PDB file of N, CA and C in Angstrom:
ATOM      1  N   GLY A   1      64.931 117.535 101.770  1.00  0.00           N
ATOM      2  CA  GLY A   1      64.533 116.283 101.175  1.00  0.00           C
ATOM      3  C   GLY A   1      63.790 116.534  99.806  1.00  0.00           C
ATOM      4  N   GLY A   2      64.002 115.536  98.768  1.00  0.00           N
ATOM      5  CA  GLY A   2      63.116 115.611  97.370  1.00  0.00           C
ATOM      6  C   GLY A   2      63.922 116.297  96.551  1.00  0.00           C
ATOM      7  N   TYR A   3      65.227 116.664  96.600  1.00  0.00           N
ATOM      8  CA  TYR A   3      65.591 117.059  95.782  1.00  0.00           C
ATOM      9  C   TYR A   3      66.769 116.228  95.010  1.00  0.00           C
ATOM     10  N   ASN A   4      66.940 116.354  93.482  1.00  0.00           N
ATOM     11  CA  ASN A   4      68.134 115.573  92.926  1.00  0.00           C
ATOM     12  C   ASN A   4      69.416 116.221  93.335  1.00  0.00           C
ATOM     13  N   VAL A   5      70.477 115.576  93.602  1.00  0.00           N
ATOM     14  CA  VAL A   5      71.704 115.972  93.700  1.00  0.00           C
ATOM     15  C   VAL A   5      72.806 115.426  92.736  1.00  0.00           C
ATOM     16  N   TYR A   6      73.220 115.970  92.044  1.00  0.00           N
ATOM     17  CA  TYR A   6      74.146 115.602  90.944  1.00  0.00           C
ATOM     18  C   TYR A   6      75.607 115.876  91.112  1.00  0.00           C
ATOM     19  N   ALA A   7      76.423 114.994  90.881  1.00  0.00           N
ATOM     20  CA  ALA A   7      78.289 115.432  91.057  1.00  0.00           C
ATOM     21  C   ALA A   7      78.535 115.601  89.864  1.00  0.00           C
ATOM     22  N   VAL A   8      79.708 116.456  89.519  1.00  0.00           N
ATOM     23  CA  VAL A   8      80.177 117.204  88.445  1.00  0.00           C
ATOM     24  C   VAL A   8      81.583 117.338  88.931  1.00  0.00           C
ATOM     25  N   PRO A   9      82.089 116.191  88.838  1.00  0.00           N
ATOM     26  CA  PRO A   9      83.947 116.053  89.154  1.00  0.00           C
ATOM     27  C   PRO A   9      84.254 117.372  88.678  1.00  0.00           C
ATOM     28  N   GLN A  10      84.224 117.658  87.111  1.00  0.00           N
ATOM     29  CA  GLN A  10      84.683 118.725  86.743  1.00  0.00           C
ATOM     30  C   GLN A  10      84.719 120.364  87.290  1.00  0.00           C
ATOM     31  N   SER A  11      83.783 120.249  88.332  1.00  0.00           N
ATOM     32  CA  SER A  11      83.664 121.620  88.708  1.00  0.00           C
ATOM     33  C   SER A  11      84.532 122.200  89.498  1.00  0.00           C
ATOM     34  N   VAL A  12      84.474 123.566  89.498  1.00  0.00           N
ATOM     35  CA  VAL A  12      85.312 124.302  90.259  1.00  0.00           C
ATOM     36  C   VAL A  12      84.666 125.022  91.132  1.00  0.00           C
ATOM     37  N   ILE A  13      84.987 125.103  92.636  1.00  0.00           N
ATOM     38  CA  ILE A  13      84.513 126.281  93.258  1.00  0.00           C
ATOM     39  C   ILE A  13      85.588 127.036  93.935  1.00  0.00           C
ATOM     40  N   TYR A  14      85.218 128.346  93.622  1.00  0.00           N
ATOM     41  CA  TYR A  14      85.678 129.597  94.324  1.00  0.00           C
ATOM     42  C   TYR A  14      85.076 129.835  95.598  1.00  0.00           C
ATOM     43  N   HIS A  15      86.112 130.131  96.660  1.00  0.00           N
ATOM     44  CA  HIS A  15      85.389 130.819  97.736  1.00  0.00           C
ATOM     45  C   HIS A  15      86.004 132.200  97.934  1.00  0.00           C
ATOM     46  N   TYR A  16      84.862 133.128  97.751  1.00  0.00           N
ATOM     47  CA  TYR A  16      85.816 134.537  97.239  1.00  0.00           C
ATOM     48  C   TYR A  16      85.602 135.093  99.167  1.00  0.00           C
ATOM     49  N   GLY A  17      86.810 135.622  99.309  1.00  0.00           N
ATOM     50  CA  GLY A  17      86.895 136.274 100.707  1.00  0.00           C
ATOM     51  C   GLY A  17      86.408 135.838 102.073  1.00  0.00           C
ATOM     52  N   GLY A  18      85.830 134.033 102.098  1.00  0.00           N
ATOM     53  CA  GLY A  18      85.489 133.643 103.298  1.00  0.00           C
ATOM     54  C   GLY A  18      84.606 134.489 104.245  1.00  0.00           C
ATOM     55  N   GLY A  19      83.316 135.040 103.430  1.00  0.00           N
ATOM     56  CA  GLY A  19      82.475 135.869 103.945  1.00  0.00           C
ATOM     57  C   GLY A  19      81.641 135.551 105.400  1.00  0.00           C
ATOM     58  N   TRP A  20      81.563 134.228 105.407  1.00  0.00           N
ATOM     59  CA  TRP A  20      80.862 133.719 106.488  1.00  0.00           C
ATOM     60  C   TRP A  20      81.726 134.343 107.781  1.00  0.00           C
ATOM     61  N   GLN A  21      83.093 133.991 107.538  1.00  0.00           N
ATOM     62  CA  GLN A  21      83.891 134.354 108.962  1.00  0.00           C
ATOM     63  C   GLN A  21      84.246 135.923 109.024  1.00  0.00           C
ATOM     64  N   LYS A  22      83.736 136.767 108.091  1.00  0.00           N
ATOM     65  CA  LYS A  22      84.178 138.181 108.459  1.00  0.00           C
ATOM     66  C   LYS A  22      83.413 138.862 110.019  1.00  0.00           C
ATOM     67  N   GLY A  23      84.742 139.496 110.292  1.00  0.00           N
ATOM     68  CA  GLY A  23      84.056 139.622 111.794  1.00  0.00           C
ATOM     69  C   GLY A  23      84.787 138.783 113.003  1.00  0.00           C
ATOM     70  N   GLN A  24      84.724 137.629 112.687  1.00  0.00           N
ATOM     71  CA  GLN A  24      85.044 136.694 113.643  1.00  0.00           C
ATOM     72  C   GLN A  24      86.473 136.624 113.530  1.00  0.00           C
ATOM     73  N   SER A  25      86.663 136.145 114.965  1.00  0.00           N
ATOM     74  CA  SER A  25      88.463 135.813 115.271  1.00  0.00           C
ATOM     75  C   SER A  25      89.071 134.762 115.035  1.00  0.00           C
ATOM     76  N   ASP A  26      90.121 134.472 114.783  1.00  0.00           N
ATOM     77  CA  ASP A  26      90.748 133.510 114.454  1.00  0.00           C
ATOM     78  C   ASP A  26      90.433 132.265 114.906  1.00  0.00           C
ATOM     79  N   ALA A  27      90.123 132.383 116.244  1.00  0.00           N
ATOM     80  CA  ALA A  27      90.142 131.190 117.347  1.00  0.00           C
ATOM     81  C   ALA A  27      88.458 130.978 117.298  1.00  0.00           C
ATOM     82  N   ARG A  28      87.424 131.742 116.846  1.00  0.00           N
ATOM     83  CA  ARG A  28      86.101 131.494 116.583  1.00  0.00           C
ATOM     84  C   ARG A  28      86.064 130.451 115.483  1.00  0.00           C
ATOM     85  N   THR A  29      86.622 130.955 114.365  1.00  0.00           N
ATOM     86  CA  THR A  29      86.688 130.633 113.069  1.00  0.00           C
ATOM     87  C   THR A  29      87.109 129.135 113.138  1.00  0.00           C
ATOM     88  N   PHE A  30      88.105 128.697 113.787  1.00  0.00           N
ATOM     89  CA  PHE A  30      88.822 127.272 114.171  1.00  0.00           C
ATOM     90  C   PHE A  30      87.975 126.553 115.260  1.00  0.00           C
ATOM     91  N   PHE A  31      87.439 127.304 115.994  1.00  0.00           N
ATOM     92  CA  PHE A  31      86.230 126.329 116.628  1.00  0.00           C
ATOM     93  C   PHE A  31      85.223 126.213 115.505  1.00  0.00           C
ATOM     94  N   LEU A  32      84.318 126.822 115.314  1.00  0.00           N
ATOM     95  CA  LEU A  32      83.594 126.356 114.430  1.00  0.00           C
ATOM     96  C   LEU A  32      83.633 125.505 113.489  1.00  0.00           C
ATOM     97  N   LEU A  33      85.195 125.535 112.518  1.00  0.00           N
ATOM     98  CA  LEU A  33      85.524 124.338 111.687  1.00  0.00           C
ATOM     99  C   LEU A  33      85.637 123.065 112.609  1.00  0.00           C
ATOM    100  N   ARG A  34      86.074 123.020 113.546  1.00  0.00           N
ATOM    101  CA  ARG A  34      86.564 121.815 114.242  1.00  0.00           C
ATOM    102  C   ARG A  34      84.900 121.222 114.617  1.00  0.00           C
ATOM    103  N   ARG A  35      84.233 122.073 115.194  1.00  0.00           N
ATOM    104  CA  ARG A  35      82.786 121.557 116.039  1.00  0.00           C
ATOM    105  C   ARG A  35      82.379 121.129 114.825  1.00  0.00           C
ATOM    106  N   ASN A  36      81.863 122.142 113.602  1.00  0.00           N
ATOM    107  CA  ASN A  36      80.897 121.635 112.519  1.00  0.00           C
ATOM    108  C   ASN A  36      81.760 120.129 112.001  1.00  0.00           C
ATOM    109  N   HIS A  37      83.022 119.932 111.764  1.00  0.00           N
ATOM    110  CA  HIS A  37      83.238 118.880 111.320  1.00  0.00           C
ATOM    111  C   HIS A  37      83.387 117.681 112.074  1.00  0.00           C
ATOM    112  N   LEU A  38      83.156 117.488 113.177  1.00  0.00           N
ATOM    113  CA  LEU A  38      82.829 116.524 114.303  1.00  0.00           C
ATOM    114  C   LEU A  38      81.213 116.097 113.784  1.00  0.00           C
ATOM    115  N   GLU A  39      80.433 117.518 114.201  1.00  0.00           N
ATOM    116  CA  GLU A  39      78.893 117.074 113.774  1.00  0.00           C
ATOM    117  C   GLU A  39      78.728 116.580 112.396  1.00  0.00           C
ATOM    118  N   THR A  40      79.138 117.036 111.272  1.00  0.00           N
ATOM    119  CA  THR A  40      78.917 116.426 110.044  1.00  0.00           C
ATOM    120  C   THR A  40      79.368 114.962 110.321  1.00  0.00           C
ATOM    121  N   LEU A  41      80.535 114.610 110.574  1.00  0.00           N
ATOM    122  CA  LEU A  41      81.401 113.150 110.793  1.00  0.00           C
ATOM    123  C   LEU A  41      79.943 112.286 111.605  1.00  0.00           C
ATOM    124  N   ILE A  42      79.122 112.598 112.733  1.00  0.00           N
ATOM    125  CA  ILE A  42      78.377 112.122 113.524  1.00  0.00           C
ATOM    126  C   ILE A  42      76.844 111.967 113.126  1.00  0.00           C
ATOM    127  N   LYS A  43      76.615 113.017 112.267  1.00  0.00           N
ATOM    128  CA  LYS A  43      75.277 112.750 111.423  1.00  0.00           C
ATOM    129  C   LYS A  43      75.211 112.103 110.113  1.00  0.00           C
ATOM    130  N   ASN A  44      76.399 111.917 109.401  1.00  0.00           N
ATOM    131  CA  ASN A  44      76.411 111.119 108.111  1.00  0.00           C
ATOM    132  C   ASN A  44      76.638 109.949 108.095  1.00  0.00           C
ATOM    133  N   TRP A  45      77.906 109.604 108.708  1.00  0.00           N
ATOM    134  CA  TRP A  45      78.582 108.212 109.141  1.00  0.00           C
ATOM    135  C   TRP A  45      77.350 107.343 109.609  1.00  0.00           C
ATOM    136  N   GLY A  46      77.598 106.039 109.215  1.00  0.00           N
ATOM    137  CA  GLY A  46      76.983 104.939 109.818  1.00  0.00           C
ATOM    138  C   GLY A  46      77.479 104.722 111.227  1.00  0.00           C
ATOM    139  N   PHE A  47      76.761 103.874 111.854  1.00  0.00           N
ATOM    140  CA  PHE A  47      76.777 104.045 113.600  1.00  0.00           C
ATOM    141  C   PHE A  47      78.001 103.188 113.803  1.00  0.00           C
ATOM    142  N   SER A  48      78.773 102.168 112.973  1.00  0.00           N
ATOM    143  CA  SER A  48      79.746 101.164 113.043  1.00  0.00           C
ATOM    144  C   SER A  48      81.006 102.101 113.042  1.00  0.00           C
ATOM    145  N   ASN A  49      80.714 102.908 111.925  1.00  0.00           N
ATOM    146  CA  ASN A  49      81.900 104.221 111.730  1.00  0.00           C
ATOM    147  C   ASN A  49      82.042 104.943 112.480  1.00  0.00           C
ATOM    148  N   VAL A  50      80.938 105.538 112.985  1.00  0.00           N
ATOM    149  CA  VAL A  50      80.847 106.833 114.068  1.00  0.00           C
ATOM    150  C   VAL A  50      81.711 106.125 115.217  1.00  0.00           C
ATOM    151  N   LEU A  51      81.548 105.095 115.458  1.00  0.00           N
ATOM    152  CA  LEU A  51      82.127 104.679 117.312  1.00  0.00           C
ATOM    153  C   LEU A  51      83.759 104.656 116.810  1.00  0.00           C
ATOM    154  N   TRP A  52      84.344 104.675 115.604  1.00  0.00           N
ATOM    155  CA  TRP A  52      85.621 104.709 116.048  1.00  0.00           C
ATOM    156  C   TRP A  52      86.194 105.970 115.228  1.00  0.00           C
ATOM    157  N   ILE A  53      85.139 106.415 113.996  1.00  0.00           N
ATOM    158  CA  ILE A  53      85.924 107.701 113.149  1.00  0.00           C
ATOM    159  C   ILE A  53      85.952 109.021 114.490  1.00  0.00           C
ATOM    160  N   VAL A  54      84.478 109.301 114.743  1.00  0.00           N
ATOM    161  CA  VAL A  54      84.292 110.236 115.995  1.00  0.00           C
ATOM    162  C   VAL A  54      85.600 110.486 117.055  1.00  0.00           C
ATOM    163  N   PRO A  55      85.485 109.302 118.111  1.00  0.00           N
ATOM    164  CA  PRO A  55      87.013 109.269 118.845  1.00  0.00           C
ATOM    165  C   PRO A  55      88.027 109.631 118.515  1.00  0.00           C
ATOM    166  N   THR A  56      88.095 109.019 117.301  1.00  0.00           N
ATOM    167  CA  THR A  56      89.753 109.089 116.474  1.00  0.00           C
ATOM    168  C   THR A  56      89.859 110.768 116.128  1.00  0.00           C
ATOM    169  N   ALA A  57      88.887 111.552 115.529  1.00  0.00           N
ATOM    170  CA  ALA A  57      88.926 112.586 115.026  1.00  0.00           C
ATOM    171  C   ALA A  57      89.133 113.620 116.828  1.00  0.00           C
ATOM    172  N   MET A  58      88.029 113.130 117.499  1.00  0.00           N
ATOM    173  CA  MET A  58      88.494 114.186 118.880  1.00  0.00           C
ATOM    174  C   MET A  58      89.835 114.044 119.573  1.00  0.00           C
ATOM    175  N   LEU A  59      89.990 112.479 119.556  1.00  0.00           N
ATOM    176  CA  LEU A  59      91.747 112.708 119.850  1.00  0.00           C
ATOM    177  C   LEU A  59      92.500 113.493 119.284  1.00  0.00           C
ATOM    178  N   PHE A  60      92.573 113.235 117.864  1.00  0.00           N
ATOM    179  CA  PHE A  60      93.508 113.935 117.163  1.00  0.00           C
ATOM    180  C   PHE A  60      93.145 115.826 117.655  1.00  0.00           C
ATOM    181  N   ILE A  61      92.071 115.652 117.621  1.00  0.00           N
ATOM    182  CA  ILE A  61      91.785 117.241 117.626  1.00  0.00           C
ATOM    183  C   ILE A  61      92.557 117.943 118.825  1.00  0.00           C
ATOM    184  N   LEU A  62      92.226 117.063 119.848  1.00  0.00           N
ATOM    185  CA  LEU A  62      92.812 117.145 121.455  1.00  0.00           C
ATOM    186  C   LEU A  62      94.592 117.322 121.257  1.00  0.00           C
ATOM    187  N   PHE A  63      94.998 116.387 120.646  1.00  0.00           N
ATOM    188  CA  PHE A  63      96.472 116.282 120.256  1.00  0.00           C
ATOM    189  C   PHE A  63      96.967 117.641 119.825  1.00  0.00           C
ATOM    190  N   SER A  64      96.272 117.909 118.585  1.00  0.00           N
ATOM    191  CA  SER A  64      96.580 118.934 117.883  1.00  0.00           C
ATOM    192  C   SER A  64      96.206 120.505 118.914  1.00  0.00           C
ATOM    193  N   SER A  65      95.562 120.520 119.723  1.00  0.00           N
ATOM    194  CA  SER A  65      95.381 121.552 120.682  1.00  0.00           C
ATOM    195  C   SER A  65      96.556 121.553 121.474  1.00  0.00           C
ATOM    196  N   ILE A  66      97.413 120.486 121.998  1.00  0.00           N
ATOM    197  CA  ILE A  66      98.507 120.520 122.793  1.00  0.00           C
ATOM    198  C   ILE A  66      99.377 120.886 121.822  1.00  0.00           C
ATOM    199  N   VAL A  67      99.404 120.525 120.752  1.00  0.00           N
ATOM    200  CA  VAL A  67     100.862 120.861 120.049  1.00  0.00           C
ATOM    201  C   VAL A  67     100.568 122.569 119.750  1.00  0.00           C
ATOM    202  N   LEU A  68      99.353 123.007 119.277  1.00  0.00           N
ATOM    203  CA  LEU A  68      99.106 124.445 118.942  1.00  0.00           C
ATOM    204  C   LEU A  68      99.605 125.361 120.506  1.00  0.00           C
ATOM    205  N   MET A  69      99.057 124.704 121.690  1.00  0.00           N
ATOM    206  CA  MET A  69      99.332 125.666 123.081  1.00  0.00           C
ATOM    207  C   MET A  69     100.835 125.631 123.138  1.00  0.00           C
ATOM    208  N   LEU A  70     101.706 124.606 122.892  1.00  0.00           N
ATOM    209  CA  LEU A  70     103.174 124.457 122.728  1.00  0.00           C
ATOM    210  C   LEU A  70     103.988 125.210 121.987  1.00  0.00           C
ATOM    211  N   LYS A  71     103.021 125.562 120.874  1.00  0.00           N
ATOM    212  CA  LYS A  71     103.750 126.741 119.645  1.00  0.00           C
ATOM    213  C   LYS A  71     103.346 127.918 120.351  1.00  0.00           C
ATOM    214  N   GLY A  72     102.717 128.126 121.322  1.00  0.00           N
ATOM    215  CA  GLY A  72     102.171 129.277 121.515  1.00  0.00           C
ATOM    216  C   GLY A  72     101.158 129.536 120.802  1.00  0.00           C
ATOM    217  N   GLU A  73     100.492 129.150 120.163  1.00  0.00           N
ATOM    218  CA  GLU A  73      99.129 129.311 119.837  1.00  0.00           C
ATOM    219  C   GLU A  73      97.755 128.891 120.692  1.00  0.00           C
ATOM    220  N   ALA A  74      97.756 129.618 121.837  1.00  0.00           N
ATOM    221  CA  ALA A  74      97.038 129.298 122.988  1.00  0.00           C
ATOM    222  C   ALA A  74      95.590 129.388 122.621  1.00  0.00           C
ATOM    223  N   ALA A  75      95.221 130.462 122.224  1.00  0.00           N
ATOM    224  CA  ALA A  75      93.729 130.920 121.838  1.00  0.00           C
ATOM    225  C   ALA A  75      93.239 129.656 120.756  1.00  0.00           C
ATOM    226  N   ARG A  76      94.177 129.135 119.701  1.00  0.00           N
ATOM    227  CA  ARG A  76      93.332 128.664 119.217  1.00  0.00           C
ATOM    228  C   ARG A  76      93.298 126.987 119.367  1.00  0.00           C
ATOM    229  N   GLY A  77      94.441 126.836 120.245  1.00  0.00           N
ATOM    230  CA  GLY A  77      94.504 125.744 120.821  1.00  0.00           C
ATOM    231  C   GLY A  77      92.999 125.281 121.582  1.00  0.00           C
ATOM    232  N   TRP A  78      92.896 126.214 122.488  1.00  0.00           N
ATOM    233  CA  TRP A  78      91.948 126.101 123.547  1.00  0.00           C
ATOM    234  C   TRP A  78      90.322 126.138 122.726  1.00  0.00           C
ATOM    235  N   ALA A  79      90.285 126.970 121.371  1.00  0.00           N
ATOM    236  CA  ALA A  79      89.103 126.563 120.931  1.00  0.00           C
ATOM    237  C   ALA A  79      89.310 124.969 120.295  1.00  0.00           C
ATOM    238  N   TYR A  80      89.941 124.819 119.903  1.00  0.00           N
ATOM    239  CA  TYR A  80      89.866 123.088 119.779  1.00  0.00           C
ATOM    240  C   TYR A  80      89.390 122.343 120.846  1.00  0.00           C
ATOM    241  N   VAL A  81      89.980 122.572 121.963  1.00  0.00           N
ATOM    242  CA  VAL A  81      89.269 122.149 123.071  1.00  0.00           C
ATOM    243  C   VAL A  81      88.019 122.318 123.380  1.00  0.00           C
ATOM    244  N   GLN A  82      87.766 123.541 123.191  1.00  0.00           N
ATOM    245  CA  GLN A  82      86.104 123.979 123.530  1.00  0.00           C
ATOM    246  C   GLN A  82      85.417 123.217 122.302  1.00  0.00           C
ATOM    247  N   ALA A  83      85.636 123.482 120.972  1.00  0.00           N
ATOM    248  CA  ALA A  83      85.131 122.486 119.927  1.00  0.00           C
ATOM    249  C   ALA A  83      84.746 121.038 120.199  1.00  0.00           C
ATOM    250  N   VAL A  84      85.320 120.388 120.708  1.00  0.00           N
ATOM    251  CA  VAL A  84      85.158 118.460 121.216  1.00  0.00           C
ATOM    252  C   VAL A  84      84.053 118.958 122.758  1.00  0.00           C
ATOM    253  N   GLY A  85      84.265 119.970 123.278  1.00  0.00           N
ATOM    254  CA  GLY A  85      83.279 120.085 124.528  1.00  0.00           C
ATOM    255  C   GLY A  85      81.868 120.490 123.796  1.00  0.00           C
ATOM    256  N   SER A  86      81.825 121.326 122.883  1.00  0.00           N
ATOM    257  CA  SER A  86      80.611 121.781 122.622  1.00  0.00           C
ATOM    258  C   SER A  86      79.956 120.606 121.484  1.00  0.00           C
ATOM    259  N   VAL A  87      80.663 119.753 121.192  1.00  0.00           N
ATOM    260  CA  VAL A  87      79.906 118.701 120.651  1.00  0.00           C
ATOM    261  C   VAL A  87      79.120 117.577 121.762  1.00  0.00           C
ATOM    262  N   PHE A  88      79.668 117.343 122.669  1.00  0.00           N
ATOM    263  CA  PHE A  88      79.017 116.612 123.958  1.00  0.00           C
ATOM    264  C   PHE A  88      78.036 117.634 124.254  1.00  0.00           C
ATOM    265  N   ILE A  89      78.083 118.913 124.566  1.00  0.00           N
ATOM    266  CA  ILE A  89      77.065 119.680 125.149  1.00  0.00           C
ATOM    267  C   ILE A  89      75.769 119.520 124.240  1.00  0.00           C
ATOM    268  N   ARG A  90      76.118 119.715 122.658  1.00  0.00           N
ATOM    269  CA  ARG A  90      75.178 119.963 121.807  1.00  0.00           C
ATOM    270  C   ARG A  90      74.902 118.419 121.287  1.00  0.00           C
ATOM    271  N   LEU A  91      74.972 117.217 121.905  1.00  0.00           N
ATOM    272  CA  LEU A  91      74.973 115.744 121.676  1.00  0.00           C
ATOM    273  C   LEU A  91      73.426 115.595 121.315  1.00  0.00           C
ATOM    274  N   PRO A  92      72.522 115.884 122.043  1.00  0.00           N
ATOM    275  CA  PRO A  92      71.249 115.851 122.200  1.00  0.00           C
ATOM    276  C   PRO A  92      70.697 116.306 120.692  1.00  0.00           C
ATOM    277  N   LYS A  93      71.110 117.302 120.191  1.00  0.00           N
ATOM    278  CA  LYS A  93      70.496 118.282 119.295  1.00  0.00           C
ATOM    279  C   LYS A  93      70.889 117.307 117.788  1.00  0.00           C
ATOM    280  N   ILE A  94      72.333 117.259 118.001  1.00  0.00           N
ATOM    281  CA  ILE A  94      73.154 116.463 117.104  1.00  0.00           C
ATOM    282  C   ILE A  94      72.553 114.924 116.597  1.00  0.00           C
ATOM    283  N   LEU A  95      72.265 114.295 117.477  1.00  0.00           N
ATOM    284  CA  LEU A  95      71.909 113.122 117.286  1.00  0.00           C
ATOM    285  C   LEU A  95      70.291 113.172 117.027  1.00  0.00           C
ATOM    286  N   GLU A  96      69.749 113.938 117.080  1.00  0.00           N
ATOM    287  CA  GLU A  96      68.226 114.382 116.332  1.00  0.00           C
ATOM    288  C   GLU A  96      68.199 114.430 115.177  1.00  0.00           C
ATOM    289  N   LYS A  97      69.181 115.134 114.869  1.00  0.00           N
ATOM    290  CA  LYS A  97      69.901 115.572 113.230  1.00  0.00           C
ATOM    291  C   LYS A  97      70.076 114.482 112.656  1.00  0.00           C
ATOM    292  N   ARG A  98      70.746 113.721 113.288  1.00  0.00           N
ATOM    293  CA  ARG A  98      71.446 112.517 112.898  1.00  0.00           C
ATOM    294  C   ARG A  98      70.267 111.510 112.179  1.00  0.00           C
ATOM    295  N   GLY A  99      69.427 111.285 113.419  1.00  0.00           N
ATOM    296  CA  GLY A  99      68.108 110.363 112.976  1.00  0.00           C
ATOM    297  C   GLY A  99      67.395 110.929 111.934  1.00  0.00           C
ATOM    298  N   ARG A 100      67.281 112.140 111.636  1.00  0.00           N
ATOM    299  CA  ARG A 100      66.648 112.656 110.489  1.00  0.00           C
ATOM    300  C   ARG A 100      67.525 112.517 109.094  1.00  0.00           C
ATOM    301  N   VAL A 101      68.896 112.778 109.159  1.00  0.00           N
ATOM    302  CA  VAL A 101      69.901 112.320 108.024  1.00  0.00           C
ATOM    303  C   VAL A 101      69.540 111.017 107.794  1.00  0.00           C
ATOM    304  N   GLN A 102      69.553 110.040 108.557  1.00  0.00           N
ATOM    305  CA  GLN A 102      69.844 108.382 108.482  1.00  0.00           C
ATOM    306  C   GLN A 102      68.714 107.944 107.729  1.00  0.00           C
ATOM    307  N   MET A 103      67.451 108.626 108.091  1.00  0.00           N
ATOM    308  CA  MET A 103      65.902 108.203 107.754  1.00  0.00           C
ATOM    309  C   MET A 103      66.021 108.434 105.987  1.00  0.00           C
ATOM    310  N   VAL A 104      66.871 109.245 105.613  1.00  0.00           N
ATOM    311  CA  VAL A 104      66.304 109.447 104.190  1.00  0.00           C
ATOM    312  C   VAL A 104      67.758 109.125 103.096  1.00  0.00           C
ATOM    313  N   ARG A 105      68.734 108.602 104.206  1.00  0.00           N
ATOM    314  CA  ARG A 105      69.996 108.134 103.097  1.00  0.00           C
ATOM    315  C   ARG A 105      69.685 106.841 102.710  1.00  0.00           C
ATOM    316  N   LYS A 106      70.747 107.356 101.491  1.00  0.00           N
ATOM    317  CA  LYS A 106      70.347 106.148 100.505  1.00  0.00           C
ATOM    318  C   LYS A 106      71.598 105.125 100.029  1.00  0.00           C
ATOM    319  N   LEU A 107      72.877 105.988 100.684  1.00  0.00           N
ATOM    320  CA  LEU A 107      73.928 105.059 100.218  1.00  0.00           C
ATOM    321  C   LEU A 107      74.688 104.694 101.609  1.00  0.00           C
ATOM    322  N   SER A 108      75.486 103.592 101.433  1.00  0.00           N
ATOM    323  CA  SER A 108      75.734 103.026 102.572  1.00  0.00           C
ATOM    324  C   SER A 108      77.315 103.591 102.789  1.00  0.00           C
ATOM    325  N   ASP A 109      78.039 103.572 103.713  1.00  0.00           N
ATOM    326  CA  ASP A 109      79.330 104.144 103.982  1.00  0.00           C
ATOM    327  C   ASP A 109      80.236 103.287 102.770  1.00  0.00           C
ATOM    328  N   GLU A 110      79.876 101.973 102.739  1.00  0.00           N
ATOM    329  CA  GLU A 110      80.870 101.479 102.204  1.00  0.00           C
ATOM    330  C   GLU A 110      80.722 101.994 100.360  1.00  0.00           C
ATOM    331  N   GLU A 111      79.331 102.284 100.120  1.00  0.00           N
ATOM    332  CA  GLU A 111      79.469 103.235  98.661  1.00  0.00           C
ATOM    333  C   GLU A 111      80.299 104.735  98.985  1.00  0.00           C
ATOM    334  N   ILE A 112      79.994 105.145  99.591  1.00  0.00           N
ATOM    335  CA  ILE A 112      80.523 106.429 100.027  1.00  0.00           C
ATOM    336  C   ILE A 112      81.977 106.660  99.772  1.00  0.00           C
ATOM    337  N   LEU A 113      82.610 105.553 100.788  1.00  0.00           N
ATOM    338  CA  LEU A 113      83.946 105.818 101.531  1.00  0.00           C
ATOM    339  C   LEU A 113      85.459 105.865  99.936  1.00  0.00           C
ATOM    340  N   PRO A 114      84.747 105.233  99.033  1.00  0.00           N
ATOM    341  CA  PRO A 114      85.908 105.146  98.036  1.00  0.00           C
ATOM    342  C   PRO A 114      85.628 106.367  97.290  1.00  0.00           C
ATOM    343  N   LYS A 115      84.623 107.056  97.337  1.00  0.00           N
ATOM    344  CA  LYS A 115      84.303 108.579  96.599  1.00  0.00           C
ATOM    345  C   LYS A 115      85.386 109.316  97.516  1.00  0.00           C
ATOM    346  N   PHE A 116      85.312 109.414  98.900  1.00  0.00           N
ATOM    347  CA  PHE A 116      86.202 109.685  99.346  1.00  0.00           C
ATOM    348  C   PHE A 116      87.515 109.994  99.193  1.00  0.00           C
ATOM    349  N   LEU A 117      88.148 108.439  99.422  1.00  0.00           N
ATOM    350  CA  LEU A 117      89.111 108.307  99.394  1.00  0.00           C
ATOM    351  C   LEU A 117      89.974 108.561  97.998  1.00  0.00           C
ATOM    352  N   ASN A 118      89.336 108.793  97.191  1.00  0.00           N
ATOM    353  CA  ASN A 118      89.769 108.989  95.786  1.00  0.00           C
ATOM    354  C   ASN A 118      90.102 110.314  95.604  1.00  0.00           C
ATOM    355  N   ARG A 119      89.507 111.300  96.404  1.00  0.00           N
ATOM    356  CA  ARG A 119      89.748 112.725  96.366  1.00  0.00           C
ATOM    357  C   ARG A 119      90.134 113.556  97.427  1.00  0.00           C
ATOM    358  N   ILE A 120      90.226 113.142  98.430  1.00  0.00           N
ATOM    359  CA  ILE A 120      91.125 113.571  99.752  1.00  0.00           C
ATOM    360  C   ILE A 120      91.854 112.598 100.530  1.00  0.00           C
ATOM    361  N   LEU A 121      92.797 113.161 101.189  1.00  0.00           N
ATOM    362  CA  LEU A 121      93.495 112.218 102.234  1.00  0.00           C
ATOM    363  C   LEU A 121      92.997 112.866 103.599  1.00  0.00           C
ATOM    364  N   PHE A 122      92.837 111.698 104.612  1.00  0.00           N
ATOM    365  CA  PHE A 122      91.936 111.871 105.863  1.00  0.00           C
ATOM    366  C   PHE A 122      92.744 113.120 106.635  1.00  0.00           C
ATOM    367  N   PHE A 123      93.853 113.028 106.618  1.00  0.00           N
ATOM    368  CA  PHE A 123      94.654 113.823 107.530  1.00  0.00           C
ATOM    369  C   PHE A 123      94.565 115.053 106.913  1.00  0.00           C
ATOM    370  N   GLU A 124      94.855 115.379 105.658  1.00  0.00           N
ATOM    371  CA  GLU A 124      94.646 116.519 104.786  1.00  0.00           C
ATOM    372  C   GLU A 124      93.603 117.182 105.438  1.00  0.00           C
ATOM    373  N   GLN A 125      92.408 116.993 105.868  1.00  0.00           N
ATOM    374  CA  GLN A 125      91.098 117.337 106.451  1.00  0.00           C
ATOM    375  C   GLN A 125      91.679 118.403 108.045  1.00  0.00           C
ATOM    376  N   TRP A 126      93.155 117.677 108.572  1.00  0.00           N
ATOM    377  CA  TRP A 126      93.149 118.017 109.858  1.00  0.00           C
ATOM    378  C   TRP A 126      94.127 118.841 109.951  1.00  0.00           C
ATOM    379  N   ARG A 127      94.832 119.658 108.773  1.00  0.00           N
ATOM    380  CA  ARG A 127      95.771 120.567 108.772  1.00  0.00           C
ATOM    381  C   ARG A 127      95.936 121.162 109.800  1.00  0.00           C
ATOM    382  N   MET A 128      96.958 121.480 110.634  1.00  0.00           N
ATOM    383  CA  MET A 128      97.093 122.355 111.706  1.00  0.00           C
ATOM    384  C   MET A 128      97.529 124.190 110.841  1.00  0.00           C
TER     385      MET A 128
END
């Protein structure tokens, strides 16, 4: 807290080599991506949106896990299932973080959502 944050829409970010995931298996990487995405949704969205966004995202992840397993990608599919389970296990810690995030939050979901919708498509986030 206490920092000013500025948006620079013209900026470009390059990720060189995915350094945070070096040495991790593909399944571990996808586990962390899905788990962290769900945790981010829980911590940052308003309560009324969390009630529908998070269950929808979880169902989509679980559906994706079935599709992956049917396509012969069992390790990745199982990683998706584990990500959802991990969120339930870590829920007390996530909710504690959510409390801190929501206390310092300045903008409502209604003010933020149009900025997201102008830049990304919801399902683009869930590419398999």
